[in-house]
């Protein structure tokens, strides 16, 4: 399952779809927080193709609400055997909530820590995280 957020979520989705070419049993399920987000993803060629290749697309809610991302993360954790979290240590991000859900539901968890990317074109290095 992938929440299809920009960045790591979409990178992992691409990896799963690439591996599916040699292992047809693999399935990717997109879990999208709200309908307008799905609409915006479908309007982009790259994400449109990825979503079309998914075994299922789950839209959590019709409209965006403050808790919609937490609901999406909880859904993904509850419906998964394992959770892979690429995490930069920020306590206010959705990833930390997903990690907490994984602990709460006793799921196998793999945390991949990331740090700052040094980018000579920006003065605030905190903006450049992988």
N, C-alpha and C. Protein backbone atom coordinates (compact mmCIF):
# COMPACT_ATOMS: atom_id res chain seq x y z
N UNK A 1 0.84 -1.18 0.00
CA UNK A 1 0.00 0.00 0.00
C UNK A 1 0.88 1.23 0.00
N UNK A 2 0.40 2.24 -0.69
CA UNK A 2 1.10 3.52 -0.73
C UNK A 2 0.08 4.63 -0.58
N UNK A 3 0.43 5.63 0.21
CA UNK A 3 -0.41 6.81 0.36
C UNK A 3 -0.26 7.79 -0.78
N UNK A 4 0.67 7.53 -1.69
CA UNK A 4 0.92 8.33 -2.89
C UNK A 4 1.24 9.80 -2.60
N UNK A 5 1.81 10.07 -1.43
CA UNK A 5 2.32 11.42 -1.17
C UNK A 5 3.51 11.65 -2.10
N UNK A 6 3.77 12.91 -2.40
CA UNK A 6 4.93 13.23 -3.23
C UNK A 6 6.19 12.76 -2.51
N UNK A 7 7.13 12.27 -3.26
CA UNK A 7 8.40 11.84 -2.69
C UNK A 7 8.46 10.34 -2.47
N UNK A 8 8.81 9.93 -1.27
CA UNK A 8 9.09 8.53 -0.96
C UNK A 8 7.91 7.62 -1.28
N UNK A 9 6.68 8.04 -0.97
CA UNK A 9 5.52 7.19 -1.26
C UNK A 9 5.48 6.82 -2.74
N UNK A 10 5.69 7.79 -3.58
CA UNK A 10 5.63 7.53 -5.02
C UNK A 10 6.86 6.77 -5.52
N UNK A 11 8.02 7.02 -4.91
CA UNK A 11 9.22 6.26 -5.29
C UNK A 11 9.01 4.78 -5.00
N UNK A 12 8.48 4.47 -3.81
CA UNK A 12 8.24 3.08 -3.46
C UNK A 12 7.18 2.46 -4.36
N UNK A 13 6.15 3.22 -4.71
CA UNK A 13 5.12 2.72 -5.62
C UNK A 13 5.75 2.35 -6.97
N UNK A 14 6.64 3.19 -7.47
CA UNK A 14 7.33 2.89 -8.72
C UNK A 14 8.15 1.61 -8.62
N UNK A 15 8.81 1.42 -7.49
CA UNK A 15 9.62 0.21 -7.28
C UNK A 15 8.72 -1.03 -7.30
N UNK A 16 7.60 -0.97 -6.60
CA UNK A 16 6.68 -2.11 -6.58
C UNK A 16 6.19 -2.42 -7.99
N UNK A 17 5.81 -1.40 -8.73
CA UNK A 17 5.31 -1.63 -10.09
C UNK A 17 6.40 -2.17 -11.01
N UNK A 18 7.62 -1.73 -10.81
CA UNK A 18 8.74 -2.27 -11.60
C UNK A 18 8.96 -3.75 -11.26
N UNK A 19 8.95 -4.08 -9.97
CA UNK A 19 9.15 -5.47 -9.54
C UNK A 19 7.98 -6.37 -9.96
N UNK A 20 6.81 -5.79 -10.12
CA UNK A 20 5.63 -6.54 -10.56
C UNK A 20 5.84 -7.13 -11.96
N UNK A 21 6.68 -6.50 -12.74
CA UNK A 21 6.95 -7.00 -14.10
C UNK A 21 7.55 -8.40 -14.07
N UNK A 22 8.36 -8.69 -13.04
CA UNK A 22 8.96 -10.01 -12.93
C UNK A 22 8.27 -10.88 -11.88
N UNK A 23 7.40 -10.28 -11.08
CA UNK A 23 6.65 -11.01 -10.07
C UNK A 23 5.19 -10.56 -10.12
N UNK A 24 4.41 -11.13 -11.02
CA UNK A 24 3.03 -10.68 -11.22
C UNK A 24 2.13 -10.83 -9.98
N UNK A 25 2.57 -11.58 -8.99
CA UNK A 25 1.76 -11.74 -7.77
C UNK A 25 1.76 -10.48 -6.91
N UNK A 26 2.74 -9.60 -7.11
CA UNK A 26 2.78 -8.35 -6.35
C UNK A 26 1.59 -7.47 -6.71
N UNK A 27 1.02 -6.84 -5.71
CA UNK A 27 -0.07 -5.90 -5.93
C UNK A 27 0.24 -4.60 -5.21
N UNK A 28 -0.09 -3.51 -5.86
CA UNK A 28 0.03 -2.19 -5.26
C UNK A 28 -1.37 -1.64 -5.04
N UNK A 29 -1.62 -1.18 -3.84
CA UNK A 29 -2.90 -0.56 -3.51
C UNK A 29 -2.62 0.89 -3.13
N UNK A 30 -3.30 1.80 -3.81
CA UNK A 30 -3.16 3.23 -3.51
C UNK A 30 -4.21 3.59 -2.47
N UNK A 31 -3.78 4.28 -1.41
CA UNK A 31 -4.71 4.75 -0.39
C UNK A 31 -4.60 6.27 -0.37
N UNK A 32 -5.61 6.90 -0.95
CA UNK A 32 -5.60 8.34 -1.18
C UNK A 32 -6.46 9.01 -0.11
N UNK A 33 -5.99 10.09 0.50
CA UNK A 33 -6.71 10.67 1.63
C UNK A 33 -8.09 11.26 1.29
N UNK A 34 -8.22 11.91 0.12
CA UNK A 34 -9.51 12.53 -0.23
C UNK A 34 -9.61 12.66 -1.75
N UNK A 35 -10.82 12.86 -2.24
CA UNK A 35 -11.10 12.81 -3.67
C UNK A 35 -10.33 13.84 -4.49
N UNK A 36 -10.22 15.07 -4.01
CA UNK A 36 -9.53 16.11 -4.78
C UNK A 36 -8.05 15.75 -4.98
N UNK A 37 -7.45 15.08 -4.00
CA UNK A 37 -6.07 14.62 -4.13
C UNK A 37 -5.97 13.57 -5.24
N UNK A 38 -6.94 12.66 -5.28
CA UNK A 38 -6.95 11.67 -6.36
C UNK A 38 -7.09 12.37 -7.70
N UNK A 39 -7.97 13.34 -7.79
CA UNK A 39 -8.16 14.08 -9.04
C UNK A 39 -6.85 14.72 -9.50
N UNK A 40 -6.11 15.33 -8.56
CA UNK A 40 -4.85 15.99 -8.94
C UNK A 40 -3.80 14.96 -9.37
N UNK A 41 -3.77 13.80 -8.73
CA UNK A 41 -2.83 12.75 -9.12
C UNK A 41 -3.18 12.18 -10.49
N UNK A 42 -4.46 12.05 -10.78
CA UNK A 42 -4.90 11.52 -12.07
C UNK A 42 -4.62 12.50 -13.21
N UNK A 43 -4.46 13.77 -12.89
CA UNK A 43 -4.21 14.79 -13.91
C UNK A 43 -2.75 14.81 -14.36
N UNK A 44 -1.88 14.10 -13.65
CA UNK A 44 -0.45 14.07 -13.98
C UNK A 44 -0.14 12.73 -14.66
N UNK A 45 0.56 12.79 -15.77
CA UNK A 45 0.85 11.59 -16.55
C UNK A 45 1.50 10.47 -15.76
N UNK A 46 2.55 10.80 -15.02
CA UNK A 46 3.32 9.78 -14.30
C UNK A 46 2.46 9.11 -13.22
N UNK A 47 1.78 9.89 -12.38
CA UNK A 47 0.98 9.29 -11.31
C UNK A 47 -0.30 8.66 -11.86
N UNK A 48 -0.82 9.18 -12.96
CA UNK A 48 -1.98 8.55 -13.60
C UNK A 48 -1.64 7.12 -13.98
N UNK A 49 -0.50 6.94 -14.64
CA UNK A 49 -0.09 5.60 -15.06
C UNK A 49 0.12 4.67 -13.87
N UNK A 50 0.71 5.18 -12.80
CA UNK A 50 0.92 4.35 -11.61
C UNK A 50 -0.42 3.95 -10.99
N UNK A 51 -1.34 4.90 -10.89
CA UNK A 51 -2.65 4.59 -10.30
C UNK A 51 -3.42 3.60 -11.15
N UNK A 52 -3.30 3.72 -12.46
CA UNK A 52 -3.96 2.78 -13.36
C UNK A 52 -3.41 1.37 -13.20
N UNK A 53 -2.15 1.24 -12.79
CA UNK A 53 -1.52 -0.06 -12.62
C UNK A 53 -1.80 -0.68 -11.24
N UNK A 54 -2.44 0.08 -10.35
CA UNK A 54 -2.73 -0.42 -9.01
C UNK A 54 -3.84 -1.48 -9.05
N UNK A 55 -3.75 -2.43 -8.14
CA UNK A 55 -4.80 -3.44 -8.01
C UNK A 55 -6.08 -2.81 -7.47
N UNK A 56 -5.94 -1.75 -6.67
CA UNK A 56 -7.10 -1.07 -6.09
C UNK A 56 -6.69 0.36 -5.73
N UNK A 57 -7.65 1.24 -5.75
CA UNK A 57 -7.45 2.62 -5.30
C UNK A 57 -8.53 2.90 -4.27
N UNK A 58 -8.11 3.16 -3.04
CA UNK A 58 -9.03 3.44 -1.94
C UNK A 58 -8.97 4.94 -1.67
N UNK A 59 -10.12 5.60 -1.68
CA UNK A 59 -10.20 7.02 -1.33
C UNK A 59 -10.87 7.09 0.04
N UNK A 60 -10.14 7.65 1.01
CA UNK A 60 -10.60 7.61 2.39
C UNK A 60 -11.84 8.49 2.64
N UNK A 61 -11.84 9.71 2.10
CA UNK A 61 -12.95 10.63 2.35
C UNK A 61 -13.19 11.47 1.12
N UNK A 62 -14.40 11.99 1.02
CA UNK A 62 -14.75 12.85 -0.11
C UNK A 62 -14.01 14.19 -0.04
N UNK A 63 -13.98 14.79 1.13
CA UNK A 63 -13.38 16.12 1.29
C UNK A 63 -12.19 16.06 2.24
N UNK A 64 -11.33 17.06 2.10
CA UNK A 64 -10.16 17.16 2.97
C UNK A 64 -10.57 17.71 4.33
N UNK A 65 -10.17 17.01 5.37
CA UNK A 65 -10.38 17.45 6.75
C UNK A 65 -9.04 17.34 7.47
N UNK A 66 -8.87 18.04 8.59
CA UNK A 66 -7.58 18.00 9.27
C UNK A 66 -7.08 16.59 9.63
N UNK A 67 -7.99 15.66 9.88
CA UNK A 67 -7.58 14.33 10.32
C UNK A 67 -7.48 13.31 9.18
N UNK A 68 -7.69 13.74 7.94
CA UNK A 68 -7.77 12.80 6.83
C UNK A 68 -6.46 12.01 6.62
N UNK A 69 -5.33 12.64 6.82
CA UNK A 69 -4.06 11.93 6.63
C UNK A 69 -3.84 10.91 7.74
N UNK A 70 -4.24 11.23 8.94
CA UNK A 70 -4.13 10.28 10.04
C UNK A 70 -5.03 9.07 9.78
N UNK A 71 -6.23 9.30 9.25
CA UNK A 71 -7.14 8.20 8.92
C UNK A 71 -6.53 7.31 7.83
N UNK A 72 -5.92 7.96 6.82
CA UNK A 72 -5.27 7.20 5.76
C UNK A 72 -4.14 6.34 6.31
N UNK A 73 -3.30 6.94 7.16
CA UNK A 73 -2.17 6.20 7.72
C UNK A 73 -2.64 5.03 8.58
N UNK A 74 -3.66 5.27 9.37
CA UNK A 74 -4.20 4.20 10.22
C UNK A 74 -4.75 3.06 9.35
N UNK A 75 -5.48 3.40 8.32
CA UNK A 75 -6.03 2.40 7.41
C UNK A 75 -4.91 1.55 6.81
N UNK A 76 -3.85 2.21 6.33
CA UNK A 76 -2.76 1.47 5.71
C UNK A 76 -2.09 0.53 6.71
N UNK A 77 -1.86 1.01 7.92
CA UNK A 77 -1.21 0.18 8.94
C UNK A 77 -2.12 -0.98 9.33
N UNK A 78 -3.40 -0.70 9.55
CA UNK A 78 -4.32 -1.77 9.96
C UNK A 78 -4.43 -2.87 8.90
N UNK A 79 -4.30 -2.51 7.64
CA UNK A 79 -4.48 -3.47 6.55
C UNK A 79 -3.16 -4.01 6.00
N UNK A 80 -2.09 -3.85 6.74
CA UNK A 80 -0.77 -4.32 6.31
C UNK A 80 -0.20 -5.28 7.34
N UNK A 81 0.67 -6.17 6.86
CA UNK A 81 1.40 -7.05 7.77
C UNK A 81 2.66 -6.37 8.27
N UNK A 82 3.29 -5.56 7.39
CA UNK A 82 4.52 -4.84 7.74
C UNK A 82 4.41 -3.40 7.30
N UNK A 83 5.16 -2.57 8.00
CA UNK A 83 5.19 -1.14 7.69
C UNK A 83 6.64 -0.74 7.44
N UNK A 84 6.86 -0.05 6.33
CA UNK A 84 8.18 0.54 6.06
C UNK A 84 8.00 2.04 6.17
N UNK A 85 8.74 2.66 7.06
CA UNK A 85 8.62 4.09 7.29
C UNK A 85 9.95 4.77 7.04
N UNK A 86 9.99 5.66 6.06
CA UNK A 86 11.18 6.48 5.80
C UNK A 86 10.96 7.74 6.62
N UNK A 87 11.81 7.91 7.63
CA UNK A 87 11.51 8.88 8.68
C UNK A 87 12.70 9.78 8.97
N UNK A 88 12.42 11.08 9.01
CA UNK A 88 13.49 12.06 9.24
C UNK A 88 13.52 12.59 10.68
N UNK A 89 12.72 12.02 11.57
CA UNK A 89 12.78 12.39 12.98
C UNK A 89 11.86 13.52 13.40
N UNK A 90 11.17 14.14 12.45
CA UNK A 90 10.27 15.23 12.82
C UNK A 90 9.02 14.67 13.50
N UNK A 91 8.68 15.24 14.65
CA UNK A 91 7.57 14.74 15.45
C UNK A 91 6.20 15.20 14.95
N UNK A 92 6.15 16.19 14.09
CA UNK A 92 4.86 16.72 13.65
C UNK A 92 4.44 16.19 12.28
N UNK A 93 5.16 15.27 11.74
CA UNK A 93 4.85 14.73 10.42
C UNK A 93 3.98 13.49 10.54
N UNK A 94 3.29 13.16 9.45
CA UNK A 94 2.41 12.00 9.43
C UNK A 94 3.13 10.69 9.61
N UNK A 95 4.39 10.64 9.21
CA UNK A 95 5.14 9.39 9.33
C UNK A 95 5.25 8.94 10.78
N UNK A 96 5.43 9.88 11.69
CA UNK A 96 5.54 9.49 13.10
C UNK A 96 4.22 8.90 13.59
N UNK A 97 3.10 9.40 13.08
CA UNK A 97 1.80 8.83 13.46
C UNK A 97 1.67 7.40 12.92
N UNK A 98 2.14 7.18 11.71
CA UNK A 98 2.09 5.83 11.14
C UNK A 98 2.96 4.88 11.95
N UNK A 99 4.12 5.34 12.39
CA UNK A 99 5.00 4.53 13.23
C UNK A 99 4.30 4.18 14.55
N UNK A 100 3.62 5.16 15.12
CA UNK A 100 2.88 4.90 16.37
C UNK A 100 1.75 3.90 16.15
N UNK A 101 1.05 4.02 15.03
CA UNK A 101 0.00 3.04 14.71
C UNK A 101 0.60 1.65 14.57
N UNK A 102 1.75 1.55 13.93
CA UNK A 102 2.40 0.24 13.76
C UNK A 102 2.70 -0.39 15.12
N UNK A 103 3.21 0.40 16.05
CA UNK A 103 3.46 -0.10 17.40
C UNK A 103 2.15 -0.49 18.08
N UNK A 104 1.15 0.37 17.97
CA UNK A 104 -0.15 0.15 18.60
C UNK A 104 -0.78 -1.16 18.12
N UNK A 105 -0.67 -1.46 16.83
CA UNK A 105 -1.31 -2.65 16.27
C UNK A 105 -0.36 -3.84 16.19
N UNK A 106 0.85 -3.70 16.74
CA UNK A 106 1.80 -4.81 16.78
C UNK A 106 2.28 -5.26 15.41
N UNK A 107 2.42 -4.32 14.49
CA UNK A 107 2.86 -4.65 13.14
C UNK A 107 4.39 -4.68 13.07
N UNK A 108 4.89 -5.51 12.18
CA UNK A 108 6.33 -5.50 11.92
C UNK A 108 6.68 -4.15 11.31
N UNK A 109 7.71 -3.51 11.84
CA UNK A 109 8.06 -2.15 11.43
C UNK A 109 9.52 -2.09 11.03
N UNK A 110 9.75 -1.48 9.88
CA UNK A 110 11.12 -1.19 9.43
C UNK A 110 11.22 0.32 9.24
N UNK A 111 12.02 0.96 10.07
CA UNK A 111 12.25 2.40 9.95
C UNK A 111 13.53 2.62 9.17
N UNK A 112 13.46 3.48 8.18
CA UNK A 112 14.63 3.85 7.40
C UNK A 112 14.91 5.32 7.71
N UNK A 113 15.94 5.59 8.49
CA UNK A 113 16.23 6.98 8.85
C UNK A 113 16.87 7.74 7.69
N UNK A 114 16.52 8.99 7.59
CA UNK A 114 17.14 9.85 6.57
C UNK A 114 17.62 11.13 7.24
N UNK A 115 18.56 11.77 6.57
CA UNK A 115 19.11 13.01 7.09
C UNK A 115 19.00 14.11 6.08
N UNK A 116 19.75 15.11 6.31
CA UNK A 116 19.74 16.28 5.42
C UNK A 116 20.55 16.00 4.16
N UNK A 117 20.10 16.58 3.08
CA UNK A 117 20.87 16.56 1.84
C UNK A 117 21.60 17.89 1.78
N UNK A 118 22.85 17.85 1.52
CA UNK A 118 23.59 19.09 1.36
C UNK A 118 23.37 19.62 -0.04
N UNK A 119 22.80 20.79 -0.13
CA UNK A 119 22.47 21.39 -1.42
C UNK A 119 23.06 22.79 -1.43
N UNK A 120 24.06 23.00 -2.25
CA UNK A 120 24.73 24.29 -2.28
C UNK A 120 23.85 25.40 -2.86
N UNK A 121 22.71 25.05 -3.48
CA UNK A 121 21.83 26.05 -4.07
C UNK A 121 20.82 26.64 -3.09
N UNK A 122 20.73 26.10 -1.87
CA UNK A 122 19.78 26.60 -0.87
C UNK A 122 20.54 26.97 0.38
N UNK A 123 20.08 28.00 1.03
CA UNK A 123 20.74 28.40 2.27
C UNK A 123 20.20 27.64 3.47
N UNK A 124 18.93 27.24 3.44
CA UNK A 124 18.35 26.51 4.56
C UNK A 124 18.42 25.02 4.25
N UNK A 125 19.40 24.34 4.78
CA UNK A 125 19.59 22.93 4.50
C UNK A 125 18.44 22.08 5.02
N UNK A 126 17.69 22.58 5.98
CA UNK A 126 16.55 21.85 6.51
C UNK A 126 15.45 21.63 5.48
N UNK A 127 15.46 22.37 4.39
CA UNK A 127 14.45 22.21 3.34
C UNK A 127 14.75 21.01 2.45
N UNK A 128 15.93 20.48 2.54
CA UNK A 128 16.34 19.44 1.61
C UNK A 128 16.49 18.11 2.32
N UNK A 129 15.40 17.44 2.47
CA UNK A 129 15.42 16.14 3.14
C UNK A 129 15.07 15.05 2.14
N UNK A 130 15.65 13.88 2.38
CA UNK A 130 15.27 12.74 1.53
C UNK A 130 14.52 11.74 2.39
